[in-house]
N, C-alpha and C. Protein backbone atom coordinates (compact mmCIF):
# COMPACT_ATOMS: atom_id res chain seq x y z
N MET A 1 -3.52 5.91 -16.10
CA MET A 1 -2.74 5.59 -14.87
C MET A 1 -3.67 5.82 -13.62
N SER A 2 -3.68 4.78 -12.67
CA SER A 2 -4.45 4.85 -11.66
C SER A 2 -4.06 5.88 -10.60
N LYS A 3 -4.95 6.36 -9.73
CA LYS A 3 -4.69 7.43 -8.79
C LYS A 3 -3.60 7.03 -7.79
N PRO A 4 -3.74 5.66 -7.30
CA PRO A 4 -2.60 5.26 -6.35
C PRO A 4 -1.27 5.42 -6.99
N LEU A 5 -1.17 4.96 -8.19
CA LEU A 5 0.21 4.99 -8.97
C LEU A 5 0.55 6.45 -9.16
N LYS A 6 -0.36 7.30 -9.44
CA LYS A 6 0.03 8.73 -9.56
C LYS A 6 0.48 9.33 -8.29
N SER A 7 -0.28 9.02 -7.27
CA SER A 7 0.21 9.49 -5.94
C SER A 7 1.59 8.92 -5.48
N TRP A 8 1.84 7.66 -5.69
CA TRP A 8 3.11 7.17 -5.42
C TRP A 8 4.22 7.75 -6.23
N ILE A 9 3.99 7.90 -7.46
CA ILE A 9 5.06 8.55 -8.26
C ILE A 9 5.35 10.04 -7.74
N LEU A 10 4.32 10.77 -7.49
CA LEU A 10 4.39 12.19 -7.05
C LEU A 10 5.20 12.08 -5.68
N ALA A 11 4.78 11.26 -4.73
CA ALA A 11 5.51 11.15 -3.44
C ALA A 11 6.98 10.82 -3.62
N THR A 12 7.33 10.03 -4.53
CA THR A 12 8.67 9.65 -4.70
C THR A 12 9.43 10.85 -5.47
N LEU A 13 8.88 11.50 -6.34
CA LEU A 13 9.46 12.69 -6.96
C LEU A 13 9.73 13.80 -6.07
N ILE A 14 8.80 13.99 -5.14
CA ILE A 14 8.91 15.04 -3.98
C ILE A 14 10.24 14.81 -3.24
N VAL A 15 10.28 13.55 -2.77
CA VAL A 15 11.47 13.19 -1.97
C VAL A 15 12.77 13.40 -2.77
N LEU A 16 12.75 12.93 -3.96
CA LEU A 16 13.90 13.06 -4.84
C LEU A 16 14.34 14.48 -5.06
N ALA A 17 13.29 15.31 -5.37
CA ALA A 17 13.43 16.66 -5.60
C ALA A 17 14.11 17.43 -4.29
N LEU A 18 13.68 16.93 -3.17
CA LEU A 18 14.25 17.68 -1.93
C LEU A 18 15.53 17.20 -1.69
N VAL A 19 15.87 15.95 -1.75
CA VAL A 19 17.12 15.27 -1.36
C VAL A 19 18.33 15.62 -2.17
N PHE A 20 18.19 15.31 -3.44
CA PHE A 20 19.49 15.20 -4.35
C PHE A 20 19.84 16.72 -4.76
N PRO A 21 18.98 17.49 -5.23
CA PRO A 21 19.34 18.82 -5.49
C PRO A 21 19.98 19.70 -4.43
N LEU A 22 19.45 19.40 -3.23
CA LEU A 22 20.02 20.09 -2.01
C LEU A 22 21.34 19.63 -1.56
N ALA A 23 21.52 18.28 -1.74
CA ALA A 23 22.71 17.60 -1.47
C ALA A 23 23.79 17.99 -2.43
N GLY A 24 23.36 18.18 -3.63
CA GLY A 24 24.39 18.70 -4.67
C GLY A 24 25.07 17.44 -5.29
N THR A 25 24.44 16.21 -5.15
CA THR A 25 25.02 15.00 -5.74
C THR A 25 23.91 14.07 -6.05
N TRP A 26 24.06 13.16 -7.16
CA TRP A 26 23.15 12.15 -7.52
C TRP A 26 23.92 10.96 -7.31
N SER A 27 25.07 10.75 -6.74
CA SER A 27 25.76 9.52 -6.67
C SER A 27 26.04 9.00 -5.25
N ASP A 28 25.41 9.70 -4.24
CA ASP A 28 25.46 9.10 -2.94
C ASP A 28 24.66 7.92 -2.69
N PRO A 29 25.21 6.63 -2.47
CA PRO A 29 24.45 5.54 -2.26
C PRO A 29 23.48 5.57 -0.99
N TRP A 30 23.96 6.16 0.10
CA TRP A 30 23.11 6.42 1.22
C TRP A 30 21.90 7.17 0.97
N LEU A 31 22.01 8.20 0.16
CA LEU A 31 20.77 8.99 -0.19
C LEU A 31 19.79 8.31 -1.06
N TRP A 32 20.45 7.45 -1.94
CA TRP A 32 19.64 6.50 -2.75
C TRP A 32 18.93 5.53 -1.86
N GLY A 33 19.53 5.04 -1.02
CA GLY A 33 18.83 4.10 0.05
C GLY A 33 17.71 4.74 0.73
N TYR A 34 17.97 6.04 1.12
CA TYR A 34 17.01 6.82 1.84
C TYR A 34 15.74 7.03 1.08
N VAL A 35 15.92 7.46 -0.20
CA VAL A 35 14.75 7.74 -1.13
C VAL A 35 13.97 6.33 -1.32
N THR A 36 14.79 5.16 -1.49
CA THR A 36 14.27 4.04 -1.74
C THR A 36 13.32 3.46 -0.52
N VAL A 37 13.80 3.80 0.60
CA VAL A 37 13.02 3.45 1.79
C VAL A 37 11.63 4.23 1.79
N PHE A 38 11.69 5.49 1.56
CA PHE A 38 10.58 6.24 1.55
C PHE A 38 9.64 5.85 0.37
N SER A 39 10.18 5.56 -0.76
CA SER A 39 9.35 5.16 -1.99
C SER A 39 8.57 3.84 -1.69
N MET A 40 9.40 2.87 -1.17
CA MET A 40 8.78 1.55 -1.09
C MET A 40 7.69 1.53 0.10
N THR A 41 7.98 2.30 1.06
CA THR A 41 6.79 2.25 2.18
C THR A 41 5.70 3.13 1.65
N ALA A 42 5.98 4.06 0.98
CA ALA A 42 4.79 4.84 0.35
C ALA A 42 4.02 3.89 -0.63
N ALA A 43 4.61 3.04 -1.27
CA ALA A 43 3.98 2.21 -2.25
C ALA A 43 2.97 1.31 -1.50
N TYR A 44 3.53 0.78 -0.26
CA TYR A 44 2.75 -0.02 0.58
C TYR A 44 1.45 0.81 1.01
N ALA A 45 1.57 2.04 1.33
CA ALA A 45 0.47 2.87 1.83
C ALA A 45 -0.36 3.22 0.66
N MET A 46 0.07 3.61 -0.55
CA MET A 46 -0.73 4.06 -1.54
C MET A 46 -1.69 3.10 -2.24
N PHE A 47 -1.03 1.75 -2.34
CA PHE A 47 -1.70 0.76 -3.04
C PHE A 47 -2.63 -0.02 -2.11
N SER A 48 -2.54 0.27 -0.87
CA SER A 48 -3.50 -0.44 0.18
C SER A 48 -4.56 0.52 0.61
N MET A 49 -4.62 1.61 0.17
CA MET A 49 -5.52 2.73 0.56
C MET A 49 -6.68 2.86 -0.26
N ASP A 50 -7.93 2.76 0.20
CA ASP A 50 -9.07 2.93 -0.70
C ASP A 50 -9.35 4.41 -0.95
N GLU A 51 -10.27 4.69 -1.92
CA GLU A 51 -10.37 6.01 -2.31
C GLU A 51 -10.95 7.05 -1.19
N ASP A 52 -11.83 6.35 -0.45
CA ASP A 52 -12.50 7.14 0.73
C ASP A 52 -11.40 7.55 1.69
N LEU A 53 -10.46 6.57 2.09
CA LEU A 53 -9.43 7.05 3.03
C LEU A 53 -8.51 7.91 2.51
N ALA A 54 -8.19 7.78 1.17
CA ALA A 54 -7.23 8.75 0.50
C ALA A 54 -7.80 10.21 0.60
N ARG A 55 -9.11 10.34 0.39
CA ARG A 55 -9.69 11.67 0.34
C ARG A 55 -9.61 12.20 1.74
N GLU A 56 -9.80 11.42 2.83
CA GLU A 56 -9.74 11.86 4.18
C GLU A 56 -8.31 12.14 4.57
N ARG A 57 -7.41 11.25 4.06
CA ARG A 57 -5.98 11.44 4.47
C ARG A 57 -5.40 12.75 3.79
N PHE A 58 -5.62 12.95 2.57
CA PHE A 58 -5.04 14.03 1.77
C PHE A 58 -5.87 15.35 1.64
N ARG A 59 -7.26 15.14 1.71
CA ARG A 59 -8.13 16.23 1.30
C ARG A 59 -9.32 16.29 2.34
N PRO A 60 -8.84 16.32 3.59
CA PRO A 60 -10.21 16.28 4.58
C PRO A 60 -10.99 17.58 4.41
N PRO A 61 -12.26 17.40 4.58
CA PRO A 61 -13.19 18.44 4.45
C PRO A 61 -13.30 19.55 5.34
N SER A 62 -12.57 19.38 6.50
CA SER A 62 -12.49 20.58 7.48
C SER A 62 -11.17 20.66 8.05
N ALA A 63 -10.88 21.78 8.64
CA ALA A 63 -9.55 22.03 9.10
C ALA A 63 -9.40 21.28 10.50
N SER A 64 -8.12 21.11 10.91
CA SER A 64 -7.78 20.41 12.12
C SER A 64 -8.17 21.18 13.32
N ALA A 65 -8.66 20.51 14.35
CA ALA A 65 -8.85 21.40 15.73
C ALA A 65 -7.51 21.82 16.25
N ASP A 66 -6.35 21.27 15.75
CA ASP A 66 -5.15 21.65 16.18
C ASP A 66 -4.34 22.03 15.03
N ARG A 67 -5.06 23.05 14.16
CA ARG A 67 -4.40 23.48 12.85
C ARG A 67 -3.20 24.12 12.92
N THR A 68 -2.93 25.07 13.94
CA THR A 68 -1.58 25.84 14.01
C THR A 68 -0.50 24.99 14.31
N ALA A 69 -0.65 23.96 15.29
CA ALA A 69 0.42 23.03 15.61
C ALA A 69 0.66 22.21 14.44
N LEU A 70 -0.38 21.81 13.74
CA LEU A 70 -0.14 20.86 12.51
C LEU A 70 0.71 21.56 11.52
N GLY A 71 0.45 22.88 11.32
CA GLY A 71 1.15 23.46 10.24
C GLY A 71 2.75 23.68 10.70
N PHE A 72 2.93 23.98 11.95
CA PHE A 72 4.29 23.99 12.55
C PHE A 72 4.99 22.63 12.29
N MET A 73 4.27 21.48 12.64
CA MET A 73 4.83 20.21 12.50
C MET A 73 5.25 19.92 11.05
N ARG A 74 4.52 20.34 10.08
CA ARG A 74 4.79 20.15 8.74
C ARG A 74 6.13 20.89 8.38
N VAL A 75 6.12 22.26 8.85
CA VAL A 75 7.41 23.00 8.52
C VAL A 75 8.62 22.36 9.09
N VAL A 76 8.57 21.85 10.32
CA VAL A 76 9.62 21.23 11.05
C VAL A 76 10.15 20.00 10.17
N ALA A 77 9.08 19.21 9.90
CA ALA A 77 9.27 17.99 9.01
C ALA A 77 10.14 18.32 7.72
N LEU A 78 9.55 19.33 7.08
CA LEU A 78 10.18 19.73 5.87
C LEU A 78 11.61 20.19 5.98
N SER A 79 11.71 21.06 6.94
CA SER A 79 13.05 21.67 7.34
C SER A 79 14.14 20.60 7.77
N HIS A 80 13.52 19.48 8.32
CA HIS A 80 14.37 18.42 8.82
C HIS A 80 15.08 17.75 7.67
N ILE A 81 14.37 17.49 6.56
CA ILE A 81 14.86 16.75 5.46
C ILE A 81 15.77 17.63 4.64
N MET A 82 15.43 18.96 4.52
CA MET A 82 16.19 19.98 3.71
C MET A 82 17.50 20.17 4.40
N VAL A 83 17.46 20.35 5.69
CA VAL A 83 18.72 20.51 6.46
C VAL A 83 19.61 19.31 6.37
N GLY A 84 19.04 18.16 6.55
CA GLY A 84 19.75 16.87 6.37
C GLY A 84 20.50 16.75 5.14
N ALA A 85 19.79 17.05 4.00
CA ALA A 85 20.39 16.84 2.69
C ALA A 85 21.51 18.00 2.52
N LEU A 86 21.15 19.10 2.93
CA LEU A 86 22.25 20.11 2.77
C LEU A 86 23.45 19.96 3.56
N ASP A 87 23.21 19.52 4.81
CA ASP A 87 24.32 19.26 5.69
C ASP A 87 25.19 18.12 5.22
N THR A 88 24.58 16.97 4.91
CA THR A 88 25.38 15.80 4.36
C THR A 88 26.02 15.99 3.02
N GLY A 89 25.50 16.85 2.07
CA GLY A 89 26.05 17.03 0.88
C GLY A 89 26.85 18.23 0.59
N ARG A 90 26.56 19.27 1.36
CA ARG A 90 27.19 20.70 1.07
C ARG A 90 27.91 21.28 2.35
N TRP A 91 27.06 21.45 3.37
CA TRP A 91 27.45 22.15 4.44
C TRP A 91 28.52 21.51 5.34
N HIS A 92 28.37 20.24 5.66
CA HIS A 92 29.18 19.47 6.57
C HIS A 92 29.40 20.11 7.90
N LEU A 93 28.38 20.61 8.42
CA LEU A 93 28.27 21.22 9.66
C LEU A 93 28.60 20.46 10.86
N THR A 94 28.31 19.17 10.79
CA THR A 94 28.34 18.16 11.85
C THR A 94 29.25 17.03 11.44
N ALA A 95 29.64 16.21 12.33
CA ALA A 95 30.68 15.13 12.09
C ALA A 95 29.74 14.13 11.30
N PRO A 96 30.39 13.32 10.40
CA PRO A 96 29.78 12.35 9.70
C PRO A 96 29.14 11.31 10.59
N VAL A 97 28.01 10.69 10.18
CA VAL A 97 27.30 9.62 11.00
C VAL A 97 27.94 8.33 10.32
N PRO A 98 28.47 7.47 11.24
CA PRO A 98 29.14 6.25 10.72
C PRO A 98 28.17 5.42 9.88
N GLY A 99 28.82 4.70 8.83
CA GLY A 99 28.05 3.96 7.95
C GLY A 99 27.12 2.91 8.63
N GLY A 100 27.74 2.28 9.68
CA GLY A 100 26.88 1.18 10.36
C GLY A 100 25.76 1.84 10.95
N ILE A 101 25.83 3.06 11.46
CA ILE A 101 24.61 3.60 12.12
C ILE A 101 23.60 3.97 10.98
N ARG A 102 24.07 4.47 10.03
CA ARG A 102 23.22 4.78 8.77
C ARG A 102 22.46 3.60 8.33
N ALA A 103 23.16 2.43 8.26
CA ALA A 103 22.61 1.31 7.74
C ALA A 103 21.35 0.90 8.63
N LEU A 104 21.64 0.89 9.99
CA LEU A 104 20.70 0.50 11.06
C LEU A 104 19.59 1.46 10.96
N ALA A 105 19.86 2.80 10.75
CA ALA A 105 18.79 3.84 10.61
C ALA A 105 17.90 3.59 9.54
N LEU A 106 18.43 3.24 8.31
CA LEU A 106 17.60 2.91 7.15
C LEU A 106 16.54 1.80 7.48
N ALA A 107 17.08 0.74 8.21
CA ALA A 107 16.18 -0.43 8.61
C ALA A 107 15.11 0.13 9.53
N GLY A 108 15.64 1.04 10.61
CA GLY A 108 14.70 1.56 11.55
C GLY A 108 13.67 2.41 11.01
N LEU A 109 14.14 3.24 9.89
CA LEU A 109 13.17 4.03 9.17
C LEU A 109 11.99 3.25 8.36
N ALA A 110 12.42 2.16 7.79
CA ALA A 110 11.46 1.28 7.13
C ALA A 110 10.48 0.73 8.05
N ALA A 111 11.05 0.25 9.26
CA ALA A 111 10.08 -0.30 10.17
C ALA A 111 9.15 0.75 10.83
N ALA A 112 9.65 1.94 11.04
CA ALA A 112 8.83 2.98 11.72
C ALA A 112 7.75 3.46 10.67
N LEU A 113 8.17 3.69 9.37
CA LEU A 113 7.11 4.06 8.45
C LEU A 113 6.21 2.94 8.16
N GLY A 114 6.65 1.68 8.23
CA GLY A 114 5.71 0.72 8.04
C GLY A 114 4.76 0.43 9.20
N THR A 115 5.07 0.86 10.45
CA THR A 115 4.19 0.79 11.48
C THR A 115 3.20 1.99 11.21
N PHE A 116 3.58 3.10 10.83
CA PHE A 116 2.69 4.25 10.58
C PHE A 116 1.67 3.76 9.53
N TYR A 117 2.19 3.23 8.40
CA TYR A 117 1.26 2.91 7.34
C TYR A 117 0.46 1.70 7.64
N ARG A 118 0.85 0.89 8.49
CA ARG A 118 -0.04 -0.32 8.90
C ARG A 118 -1.21 0.12 9.69
N ALA A 119 -0.93 1.12 10.61
CA ALA A 119 -2.06 1.76 11.45
C ALA A 119 -3.07 2.48 10.45
N MET A 120 -2.54 3.11 9.45
CA MET A 120 -3.38 3.81 8.43
C MET A 120 -4.26 2.81 7.75
N ARG A 121 -3.63 1.71 7.40
CA ARG A 121 -4.56 0.53 6.69
C ARG A 121 -5.51 0.14 7.53
N GLU A 122 -5.21 -0.01 8.81
CA GLU A 122 -6.31 -0.69 9.75
C GLU A 122 -7.43 0.25 10.05
N ASN A 123 -7.10 1.54 10.15
CA ASN A 123 -8.16 2.59 10.42
C ASN A 123 -8.62 3.38 9.50
N ARG A 124 -9.93 3.18 9.03
CA ARG A 124 -10.45 3.94 7.94
C ARG A 124 -10.70 5.51 8.32
N PHE A 125 -10.56 5.76 9.61
CA PHE A 125 -10.80 7.18 9.93
C PHE A 125 -9.46 7.81 10.29
N PHE A 126 -8.33 7.29 9.65
CA PHE A 126 -6.96 7.78 9.86
C PHE A 126 -6.83 9.09 8.96
N SER A 127 -6.89 10.11 9.67
CA SER A 127 -6.95 11.50 9.00
C SER A 127 -5.66 12.28 9.21
N ALA A 128 -5.28 13.27 8.34
CA ALA A 128 -4.26 14.12 8.45
C ALA A 128 -4.62 15.17 9.61
N VAL A 129 -5.91 15.34 9.93
CA VAL A 129 -6.28 16.35 10.84
C VAL A 129 -6.95 15.77 12.04
N VAL A 130 -7.11 16.49 13.06
CA VAL A 130 -7.88 16.11 14.21
C VAL A 130 -9.31 16.68 14.17
N ARG A 131 -10.25 15.81 13.80
CA ARG A 131 -11.70 16.20 13.70
C ARG A 131 -12.40 15.03 13.91
N LEU A 132 -13.73 15.21 14.41
CA LEU A 132 -14.78 14.18 14.53
C LEU A 132 -15.44 13.98 13.15
N GLN A 133 -15.35 12.86 12.55
CA GLN A 133 -15.65 12.56 11.14
C GLN A 133 -17.18 12.12 11.15
N GLU A 134 -18.09 12.93 11.58
CA GLU A 134 -19.50 12.66 11.53
C GLU A 134 -19.99 12.15 10.27
N ASP A 135 -19.42 12.92 9.25
CA ASP A 135 -19.82 12.70 7.76
C ASP A 135 -19.35 11.19 7.35
N ARG A 136 -18.53 10.71 8.16
CA ARG A 136 -18.03 9.12 7.67
C ARG A 136 -18.43 8.09 8.71
N GLY A 137 -19.32 8.54 9.70
CA GLY A 137 -19.71 7.49 10.62
C GLY A 137 -18.47 7.17 11.69
N HIS A 138 -17.83 8.19 12.11
CA HIS A 138 -16.67 7.94 12.99
C HIS A 138 -17.02 7.07 14.17
N ARG A 139 -16.28 6.04 14.34
CA ARG A 139 -16.30 5.11 15.44
C ARG A 139 -15.04 4.71 16.01
N VAL A 140 -14.87 4.16 17.17
CA VAL A 140 -13.62 3.72 17.73
C VAL A 140 -13.08 2.51 16.84
N ILE A 141 -11.82 2.45 16.52
CA ILE A 141 -11.17 1.32 15.97
C ILE A 141 -10.37 0.60 17.03
N ASP A 142 -10.56 -0.69 17.27
CA ASP A 142 -9.80 -1.30 18.26
C ASP A 142 -9.21 -2.73 17.88
N THR A 143 -9.13 -2.82 16.58
CA THR A 143 -8.62 -4.01 16.06
C THR A 143 -7.07 -3.82 15.61
N GLY A 144 -6.45 -4.91 15.34
CA GLY A 144 -5.03 -4.98 14.76
C GLY A 144 -4.06 -4.16 15.75
N PRO A 145 -3.32 -3.25 15.34
CA PRO A 145 -2.39 -2.63 16.28
C PRO A 145 -3.15 -1.60 17.17
N TYR A 146 -4.43 -1.32 16.93
CA TYR A 146 -5.05 -0.54 17.87
C TYR A 146 -5.59 -1.38 19.06
N SER A 147 -5.49 -2.54 18.97
CA SER A 147 -5.82 -3.41 20.19
C SER A 147 -4.49 -3.44 21.22
N ILE A 148 -3.38 -2.90 20.90
CA ILE A 148 -2.18 -2.95 21.59
C ILE A 148 -1.84 -1.57 22.12
N VAL A 149 -1.93 -0.54 21.37
CA VAL A 149 -1.84 0.89 21.80
C VAL A 149 -2.91 1.67 21.15
N ARG A 150 -3.20 2.84 21.67
CA ARG A 150 -4.29 3.65 21.18
C ARG A 150 -3.94 4.46 19.94
N HIS A 151 -2.61 4.76 19.93
CA HIS A 151 -2.15 5.52 18.73
C HIS A 151 -0.93 4.86 17.96
N PRO A 152 -1.21 3.77 17.45
CA PRO A 152 -0.02 2.97 16.85
C PRO A 152 0.55 3.68 15.65
N GLY A 153 -0.20 4.58 14.92
CA GLY A 153 0.51 5.42 13.99
C GLY A 153 1.38 6.38 14.46
N TYR A 154 1.03 7.12 15.45
CA TYR A 154 2.02 7.98 15.97
C TYR A 154 3.13 7.12 16.74
N ALA A 155 2.96 6.00 17.14
CA ALA A 155 4.06 5.18 17.74
C ALA A 155 5.17 5.02 16.73
N GLY A 156 4.79 4.75 15.38
CA GLY A 156 5.78 4.74 14.43
C GLY A 156 6.36 6.10 13.89
N LEU A 157 5.48 7.09 13.86
CA LEU A 157 5.81 8.39 13.36
C LEU A 157 6.80 8.98 14.25
N VAL A 158 6.68 8.73 15.64
CA VAL A 158 7.54 9.52 16.63
C VAL A 158 8.98 9.02 16.43
N LEU A 159 9.27 7.91 15.85
CA LEU A 159 10.53 7.46 15.62
C LEU A 159 11.13 7.82 14.26
N VAL A 160 10.31 8.09 13.22
CA VAL A 160 10.74 8.54 11.91
C VAL A 160 11.72 9.58 11.80
N PRO A 161 11.51 10.65 12.52
CA PRO A 161 12.43 11.85 12.32
C PRO A 161 13.94 11.48 12.80
N LEU A 162 13.96 10.66 13.96
CA LEU A 162 15.24 10.28 14.46
C LEU A 162 15.95 9.41 13.39
N PHE A 163 15.30 8.31 12.95
CA PHE A 163 15.87 7.51 11.97
C PHE A 163 16.27 8.16 10.70
N SER A 164 15.30 9.07 10.29
CA SER A 164 15.45 9.83 9.15
C SER A 164 16.73 10.65 9.20
N GLY A 165 16.81 11.41 10.25
CA GLY A 165 18.19 12.24 10.42
C GLY A 165 19.46 11.46 10.31
N LEU A 166 19.40 10.33 10.99
CA LEU A 166 20.63 9.31 11.15
C LEU A 166 20.91 8.86 9.59
N ALA A 167 19.78 8.42 8.91
CA ALA A 167 19.94 7.82 7.61
C ALA A 167 20.50 8.91 6.64
N LEU A 168 20.00 10.18 6.81
CA LEU A 168 20.45 11.18 5.97
C LEU A 168 22.00 11.46 6.24
N GLY A 169 22.42 11.08 7.38
CA GLY A 169 23.83 11.27 7.86
C GLY A 169 24.13 12.66 8.39
N SER A 170 23.14 13.22 9.06
CA SER A 170 23.34 14.68 9.61
C SER A 170 22.80 14.66 11.04
N TRP A 171 23.81 15.11 11.95
CA TRP A 171 23.39 15.18 13.26
C TRP A 171 22.40 16.47 13.44
N ALA A 172 22.64 17.36 12.55
CA ALA A 172 21.79 18.61 12.61
C ALA A 172 20.29 18.11 12.33
N ALA A 173 20.11 17.23 11.33
CA ALA A 173 18.78 16.67 10.99
C ALA A 173 18.28 15.87 12.12
N VAL A 174 19.16 15.16 12.93
CA VAL A 174 18.78 14.47 14.07
C VAL A 174 18.18 15.46 15.13
N ALA A 175 18.84 16.49 15.38
CA ALA A 175 18.36 17.68 16.36
C ALA A 175 16.99 18.09 16.10
N LEU A 176 16.82 18.30 14.76
CA LEU A 176 15.51 18.86 14.31
C LEU A 176 14.49 17.76 14.41
N GLY A 177 14.93 16.49 14.20
CA GLY A 177 14.07 15.29 14.25
C GLY A 177 13.56 15.12 15.63
N LEU A 178 14.35 15.52 16.58
CA LEU A 178 13.94 15.32 18.04
C LEU A 178 12.89 16.37 18.32
N ILE A 179 12.95 17.48 17.83
CA ILE A 179 11.88 18.58 18.00
C ILE A 179 10.53 17.94 17.34
N MET A 180 10.78 17.41 16.09
CA MET A 180 9.52 16.85 15.42
C MET A 180 8.86 15.76 16.28
N SER A 181 9.73 14.90 16.93
CA SER A 181 9.24 13.74 17.79
C SER A 181 8.54 14.43 18.86
N ALA A 182 9.08 15.39 19.52
CA ALA A 182 8.42 16.07 20.68
C ALA A 182 7.00 16.60 20.21
N LEU A 183 6.91 17.19 19.03
CA LEU A 183 5.66 17.63 18.53
C LEU A 183 4.62 16.53 18.31
N VAL A 184 5.14 15.45 17.84
CA VAL A 184 4.26 14.20 17.68
C VAL A 184 3.69 13.78 19.02
N VAL A 185 4.49 13.69 20.03
CA VAL A 185 3.95 13.33 21.34
C VAL A 185 2.93 14.42 21.80
N ARG A 186 3.20 15.74 21.57
CA ARG A 186 2.16 16.71 21.94
C ARG A 186 0.91 16.40 21.19
N ARG A 187 1.09 16.07 19.93
CA ARG A 187 -0.14 15.83 19.10
C ARG A 187 -0.93 14.60 19.67
N VAL A 188 -0.18 13.59 20.26
CA VAL A 188 -0.93 12.47 20.80
C VAL A 188 -1.70 12.87 21.91
N LEU A 189 -1.20 13.74 22.88
CA LEU A 189 -1.89 14.24 23.96
C LEU A 189 -3.14 15.01 23.71
N PHE A 190 -2.93 15.87 22.63
CA PHE A 190 -4.18 16.68 22.12
C PHE A 190 -5.15 15.78 21.58
N GLU A 191 -4.79 14.95 20.65
CA GLU A 191 -5.81 14.16 19.87
C GLU A 191 -6.47 13.17 20.85
N ASP A 192 -5.80 12.57 21.88
CA ASP A 192 -6.35 11.71 22.82
C ASP A 192 -7.45 12.40 23.62
N ALA A 193 -7.09 13.65 24.17
CA ALA A 193 -8.05 14.44 24.93
C ALA A 193 -9.22 14.75 24.01
N PHE A 194 -9.02 15.10 22.79
CA PHE A 194 -10.13 15.48 21.76
C PHE A 194 -11.06 14.30 21.64
N LEU A 195 -10.53 13.08 21.39
CA LEU A 195 -11.38 11.92 21.16
C LEU A 195 -12.09 11.51 22.44
N ARG A 196 -11.45 11.74 23.58
CA ARG A 196 -12.17 11.47 24.92
C ARG A 196 -13.37 12.27 25.02
N GLN A 197 -13.36 13.49 24.49
CA GLN A 197 -14.51 14.51 24.69
C GLN A 197 -15.46 14.32 23.71
N HIS A 198 -15.16 13.91 22.38
CA HIS A 198 -16.01 14.01 21.39
C HIS A 198 -16.48 12.71 20.76
N LEU A 199 -15.73 11.64 20.85
CA LEU A 199 -15.97 10.39 20.12
C LEU A 199 -16.61 9.42 21.08
N ASP A 200 -17.83 9.01 20.76
CA ASP A 200 -18.64 7.97 21.60
C ASP A 200 -17.81 6.69 21.75
N GLY A 201 -17.61 6.14 22.90
CA GLY A 201 -17.02 4.87 23.09
C GLY A 201 -15.41 5.07 23.34
N TYR A 202 -14.96 6.25 23.20
CA TYR A 202 -13.47 6.26 23.27
C TYR A 202 -13.03 6.13 24.68
N VAL A 203 -13.80 6.71 25.74
CA VAL A 203 -13.44 6.50 27.08
C VAL A 203 -13.35 5.05 27.53
N ALA A 204 -14.41 4.38 27.11
CA ALA A 204 -14.46 2.86 27.33
C ALA A 204 -13.14 2.20 26.67
N TYR A 205 -12.81 2.68 25.56
CA TYR A 205 -11.66 2.08 24.75
C TYR A 205 -10.35 2.37 25.55
N THR A 206 -10.29 3.61 26.15
CA THR A 206 -9.16 3.80 26.96
C THR A 206 -8.87 2.75 28.11
N GLN A 207 -10.08 2.41 28.62
CA GLN A 207 -9.96 1.27 29.75
C GLN A 207 -9.50 0.05 29.32
N ARG A 208 -10.00 -0.29 28.04
CA ARG A 208 -9.54 -1.66 27.51
C ARG A 208 -8.22 -1.63 27.03
N VAL A 209 -7.78 -0.47 26.42
CA VAL A 209 -6.40 -0.28 25.96
C VAL A 209 -5.85 0.87 26.65
N PRO A 210 -5.07 0.75 27.65
CA PRO A 210 -4.59 1.84 28.63
C PRO A 210 -3.50 2.70 28.13
N ASN A 211 -2.72 2.13 27.21
CA ASN A 211 -1.45 2.77 26.86
C ASN A 211 -1.60 3.57 25.44
N ARG A 212 -1.00 4.71 25.39
CA ARG A 212 -1.11 5.46 24.17
C ARG A 212 -0.17 5.13 23.11
N LEU A 213 1.14 4.96 23.48
CA LEU A 213 2.21 4.70 22.33
C LEU A 213 2.93 3.49 22.73
N ILE A 214 3.24 3.22 23.94
CA ILE A 214 4.15 2.14 24.29
C ILE A 214 3.54 1.12 25.16
N PRO A 215 3.46 -0.18 24.70
CA PRO A 215 2.59 -1.12 25.51
C PRO A 215 3.27 -1.26 26.78
N GLY A 216 2.31 -1.31 27.86
CA GLY A 216 2.77 -1.46 29.24
C GLY A 216 3.35 -0.34 29.93
N VAL A 217 3.70 0.69 29.17
CA VAL A 217 4.56 1.86 29.73
C VAL A 217 3.75 3.08 29.71
N TRP A 218 3.28 3.68 28.43
CA TRP A 218 2.52 4.97 28.33
C TRP A 218 1.61 4.84 27.07
């Protein structure tokens, strides 16, 4: 079995193990739609990623310059999914999210994750951590979506928690998702400042591509 296939199966099983046991049901079609979106977009990522990028993405050789905040982001992201599954399946703390909104949210979730993974495919230095990758010949990437905004991966990621919470059917998960989105924006500011200071050519790149996340806005 190939490494990309193993990684894809593992990623799918993790989402399955988080969502359905916590929700207390295996028959909710919305939750199956949610897991399917995560699984299919993960397949796009896993099977288009070469081994070198996979090592940097999942097993970077050094810690992040923003290590504490990264750990907090991961805790919030995990809590967001867990609370969403518990709320929609067992707790029912918040009012149900209408089916039409959940359907649109699933489409938005697929688009947001697709944007994130498209940026990862374009950028061979797309890492889970903020670091200068001197060991990999780190340089500015300004092609594809990086010719439009400087952080296209984060442009997709900032929307993922909102759509994820709505797709799960939990307003509580949406609230946690907004916290996660705010942390992503903070990460953008930190990483942008780090790259300005440490990566050759990045300041010139900011002049060619002035916006971080939203074309023509910011």
